[in-house]
Amino acid sequence: SDNLKENEFCTGNKVQDSEVKNMVNKLVNTAKLIPETFDEKQMFVSSQSSLLKEEFKARFRNVSKIMDCVGCDKCRLWGKLQISGIGTALKILFSYDDEFF
């Protein structure tokens, strides 16, 4: 988030550039006040973590299979695309060894 504060904003108008910089700084400062909503390190610390991982995988496979049944080609495409993105995130999350967490 501090990277946003370091960016230069060039709209061609110095007044607008300054206003945008101030708004981004306010946004970053506000975001720092809000606690993090998800900490994956805390998710798998219990003795049941391997069962939780398997449950995630099973439910994800189920949603993926349901997407195959969607009748609208456009909806199926977008659903599959979103499922692929979530699947990639889960693969990355689950690829770490338990010692990492």
C-alpha atoms as a PDB file:
ATOM      1  CA  SER A   1       0.000   0.000   0.000  1.00  0.00           C
ATOM      2  CA  ASP A   2       2.901   2.378   0.570  1.00  0.00           C
ATOM      3  CA  ASN A   3       3.830   1.825  -3.067  1.00  0.00           C
ATOM      4  CA  LEU A   4       0.679   3.716  -4.009  1.00  0.00           C
ATOM      5  CA  LYS A   5       1.868   6.726  -2.033  1.00  0.00           C
ATOM      6  CA  GLU A   6       5.128   6.782  -3.972  1.00  0.00           C
ATOM      7  CA  ASN A   7       3.461   6.807  -7.416  1.00  0.00           C
ATOM      8  CA  GLU A   8       3.357   9.940  -9.502  1.00  0.00           C
ATOM      9  CA  PHE A   9       0.007  10.805 -11.032  1.00  0.00           C
ATOM     10  CA  CYS A  10       0.240  12.711 -14.297  1.00  0.00           C
ATOM     11  CA  THR A  11      -3.051  13.884 -15.741  1.00  0.00           C
ATOM     12  CA  GLY A  12      -1.539  16.926 -17.440  1.00  0.00           C
ATOM     13  CA  ASN A  13      -3.078  19.232 -14.847  1.00  0.00           C
ATOM     14  CA  LYS A  14      -0.920  19.950 -11.802  1.00  0.00           C
ATOM     15  CA  VAL A  15      -3.935  20.788  -9.621  1.00  0.00           C
ATOM     16  CA  GLN A  16      -5.632  17.487 -10.481  1.00  0.00           C
ATOM     17  CA  ASP A  17      -2.337  15.629  -9.971  1.00  0.00           C
ATOM     18  CA  SER A  18      -2.090  17.075  -6.467  1.00  0.00           C
ATOM     19  CA  GLU A  19      -5.738  16.262  -5.687  1.00  0.00           C
ATOM     20  CA  VAL A  20      -5.344  12.682  -6.897  1.00  0.00           C
ATOM     21  CA  LYS A  21      -2.166  12.267  -4.826  1.00  0.00           C
ATOM     22  CA  ASN A  22      -3.991  13.551  -1.714  1.00  0.00           C
ATOM     23  CA  MET A  23      -6.969  11.251  -2.309  1.00  0.00           C
ATOM     24  CA  VAL A  24      -4.698   8.220  -2.777  1.00  0.00           C
ATOM     25  CA  ASN A  25      -2.815   9.085   0.417  1.00  0.00           C
ATOM     26  CA  LYS A  26      -6.113   9.341   2.333  1.00  0.00           C
ATOM     27  CA  LEU A  27      -7.239   6.017   0.887  1.00  0.00           C
ATOM     28  CA  VAL A  28      -4.001   4.273   1.888  1.00  0.00           C
ATOM     29  CA  ASN A  29      -4.121   5.740   5.397  1.00  0.00           C
ATOM     30  CA  THR A  30      -7.748   4.657   5.819  1.00  0.00           C
ATOM     31  CA  ALA A  31      -6.948   1.153   4.568  1.00  0.00           C
ATOM     32  CA  LYS A  32      -4.202   0.826   7.196  1.00  0.00           C
ATOM     33  CA  LEU A  33      -6.753   1.469   9.955  1.00  0.00           C
ATOM     34  CA  ILE A  34      -8.923  -1.468   8.884  1.00  0.00           C
ATOM     35  CA  PRO A  35      -7.816  -4.844  10.274  1.00  0.00           C
ATOM     36  CA  GLU A  36      -6.963  -7.608   7.845  1.00  0.00           C
ATOM     37  CA  THR A  37      -9.988  -9.750   7.108  1.00  0.00           C
ATOM     38  CA  PHE A  38      -8.294 -12.991   6.103  1.00  0.00           C
ATOM     39  CA  ASP A  39      -5.073 -14.509   7.359  1.00  0.00           C
ATOM     40  CA  GLU A  40      -4.382 -17.834   5.698  1.00  0.00           C
ATOM     41  CA  LYS A  41      -1.609 -18.514   8.215  1.00  0.00           C
ATOM     42  CA  GLN A  42      -4.265 -18.853  10.929  1.00  0.00           C
ATOM     43  CA  MET A  43      -6.487 -21.017   8.779  1.00  0.00           C
ATOM     44  CA  PHE A  44      -4.482 -24.221   8.924  1.00  0.00           C
ATOM     45  CA  VAL A  45      -2.940 -24.194  12.395  1.00  0.00           C
ATOM     46  CA  SER A  46      -5.252 -26.761  13.958  1.00  0.00           C
ATOM     47  CA  SER A  47      -4.745 -30.507  14.031  1.00  0.00           C
ATOM     48  CA  GLN A  48      -7.694 -30.742  11.616  1.00  0.00           C
ATOM     49  CA  SER A  49      -5.945 -28.720   8.910  1.00  0.00           C
ATOM     50  CA  SER A  50      -5.470 -31.617   6.487  1.00  0.00           C
ATOM     51  CA  LEU A  51      -9.188 -32.445   6.750  1.00  0.00           C
ATOM     52  CA  LEU A  52     -10.043 -28.809   6.112  1.00  0.00           C
ATOM     53  CA  LYS A  53      -7.852 -28.762   3.000  1.00  0.00           C
ATOM     54  CA  GLU A  54      -9.536 -31.902   1.662  1.00  0.00           C
ATOM     55  CA  GLU A  55     -12.978 -30.409   2.328  1.00  0.00           C
ATOM     56  CA  PHE A  56     -12.014 -27.273   0.390  1.00  0.00           C
ATOM     57  CA  LYS A  57     -10.840 -29.385  -2.531  1.00  0.00           C
ATOM     58  CA  ALA A  58     -13.988 -31.533  -2.558  1.00  0.00           C
ATOM     59  CA  ARG A  59     -16.322 -28.532  -2.456  1.00  0.00           C
ATOM     60  CA  PHE A  60     -14.349 -26.796  -5.160  1.00  0.00           C
ATOM     61  CA  ARG A  61     -14.579 -29.853  -7.432  1.00  0.00           C
ATOM     62  CA  ASN A  62     -18.334 -29.929  -6.805  1.00  0.00           C
ATOM     63  CA  VAL A  63     -18.750 -26.285  -7.851  1.00  0.00           C
ATOM     64  CA  SER A  64     -16.631 -26.918 -10.921  1.00  0.00           C
ATOM     65  CA  LYS A  65     -18.860 -29.846 -11.931  1.00  0.00           C
ATOM     66  CA  ILE A  66     -21.982 -27.733 -11.401  1.00  0.00           C
ATOM     67  CA  MET A  67     -20.591 -25.123 -13.799  1.00  0.00           C
ATOM     68  CA  ASP A  68     -20.568 -27.807 -16.539  1.00  0.00           C
ATOM     69  CA  CYS A  69     -24.370 -27.951 -16.284  1.00  0.00           C
ATOM     70  CA  VAL A  70     -25.002 -24.243 -16.865  1.00  0.00           C
ATOM     71  CA  GLY A  71     -27.075 -23.848 -20.027  1.00  0.00           C
ATOM     72  CA  CYS A  72     -25.999 -20.365 -21.092  1.00  0.00           C
ATOM     73  CA  ASP A  73     -22.658 -20.515 -22.935  1.00  0.00           C
ATOM     74  CA  LYS A  74     -21.657 -17.017 -21.825  1.00  0.00           C
ATOM     75  CA  CYS A  75     -22.501 -17.738 -18.180  1.00  0.00           C
ATOM     76  CA  ARG A  76     -20.675 -21.080 -18.306  1.00  0.00           C
ATOM     77  CA  LEU A  77     -17.583 -19.399 -19.792  1.00  0.00           C
ATOM     78  CA  TRP A  78     -17.491 -16.676 -17.143  1.00  0.00           C
ATOM     79  CA  GLY A  79     -18.199 -19.184 -14.385  1.00  0.00           C
ATOM     80  CA  LYS A  80     -15.414 -21.470 -15.585  1.00  0.00           C
ATOM     81  CA  LEU A  81     -13.042 -18.521 -15.797  1.00  0.00           C
ATOM     82  CA  GLN A  82     -13.833 -17.482 -12.228  1.00  0.00           C
ATOM     83  CA  ILE A  83     -13.548 -21.065 -10.987  1.00  0.00           C
ATOM     84  CA  SER A  84     -10.155 -21.353 -12.699  1.00  0.00           C
ATOM     85  CA  GLY A  85      -8.954 -18.229 -10.901  1.00  0.00           C
ATOM     86  CA  ILE A  86     -10.158 -19.455  -7.532  1.00  0.00           C
ATOM     87  CA  GLY A  87      -8.680 -22.896  -8.259  1.00  0.00           C
ATOM     88  CA  THR A  88      -5.303 -21.343  -8.998  1.00  0.00           C
ATOM     89  CA  ALA A  89      -5.408 -19.367  -5.757  1.00  0.00           C
ATOM     90  CA  LEU A  90      -6.285 -22.508  -3.801  1.00  0.00           C
ATOM     91  CA  LYS A  91      -3.488 -24.491  -5.458  1.00  0.00           C
ATOM     92  CA  ILE A  92      -1.016 -21.813  -4.430  1.00  0.00           C
ATOM     93  CA  LEU A  93      -2.435 -21.709  -0.911  1.00  0.00           C
ATOM     94  CA  PHE A  94      -2.352 -25.493  -0.547  1.00  0.00           C
ATOM     95  CA  SER A  95       1.060 -25.931  -2.155  1.00  0.00           C
ATOM     96  CA  TYR A  96       2.905 -24.701   0.912  1.00  0.00           C
ATOM     97  CA  ASP A  97       4.145 -27.225   3.404  1.00  0.00           C
ATOM     98  CA  ASP A  98       2.417 -27.292   6.754  1.00  0.00           C
ATOM     99  CA  GLU A  99       5.661 -26.106   8.367  1.00  0.00           C
ATOM    100  CA  PHE A 100       5.263 -22.816   6.477  1.00  0.00           C
ATOM    101  CA  PHE A 101       2.113 -22.054   8.448  1.00  0.00           C
END
